[in-house]
Structures are given as C-alpha cells and as structure tokens.
Amino acid sequence: MLPRLLRPALLGLAMSMPAHASTLADFDFTGNVSEAHYKEVISELRCLVCQNESLASSQAELAQDLREEVYKMMDAGKTDDEIVEFLVARYGDFVLYDPPLKPSTWLLWFGPFVLAALALLVMGYTVRKRSRGVEQGLTAAERERVASLLGEETENRKS
C-alpha cells in the first residue's frame, strides 16, 4: 500500500507526462513505405473519434493506432485498396472521406438535396397560399359588418 502523500504525487507525475503521440517521425520510411504515399493514404481516411479530421491530422488515440496499423499493412506490401477494404470492413464507410455511392449511402449523398427540395416545396406552397388569401378580400357580409362598425364608431366620435 502506497503512503497517502505518495499517491497524489504519483498521480500528478503521471498526468504531467505527455501521452504517447505517434507522429510521422515515429515511423521508419527507409523501407517499403514511402512517406509521401503514407501521408496520402492516411489523409484520405477519416478519424473515427474526431469530427472532420483525417487520420493524418488527428491526435486521438484511436487515430494513432490506425496510423500504426496502416503503416504495418503498407510495410507488409498490402495495396491501398486492400488497406481501405480492411478498414471499411472493420469500421464501415464512415472511415472514408469519399464514401462510395451505394444503397446504404444514398441518404448521405442525396439527403441534403431531398431536404432542400422539400424546403422549396413548403416555401412555395406557403407563399402561394398567402398570396391567394390577400386576393380574396372581404365577403359582402364582412364588408357590411365593417361598414356598420365604422359607422357606429364615426357616430360615437361625433357625439
């Protein structure tokens, strides 16, 4: 059992240590993997934790693990397609910045256009309905009622 005073000191020391960050400097590009090709591949893959960040720019722990996985697969001689297929099979199309057009991604590709078309239809319907309401004007009974009210009001002001 650690003494009571030693626990906070160890915890503070552990929190002040930088987390292991895998950067490009951590990889050896003298072998089968070229740095430019590696950067190209990881920049086309999305970080699963961060919003709108690629594996290349994300500092999330999972992104670091995936960068290492991609490097290992490239070093083992896997093609880009094999690497992408592996990641898609494991994490789904979300891992791709440019997901393929297929039934499961139709909502992603066409959803914004469908919503915009619906918004235009609703807006057109609303504008048309309002313009018709203005043209109708008052009915004869309503005009008579208004005239009687105004006449009464005019008579009340005179007296």
Foldseek 3Di string as FASTA:
>chain_A
DDDPVVVVVVVVVVVPDDDDFDAPVNDDCPAQHHPVVLLVLQQQWCDPPDPPHTLNPDRDPVSRVLSVVSVVCSRVPDDSVVSVVVCCVVPNQNGGPDRDDDVVCCCVVCVVVVVVVVVVVVVVVVVVVVVVVVVVDDDPVVVVVVVVVVVVVVVVVVD
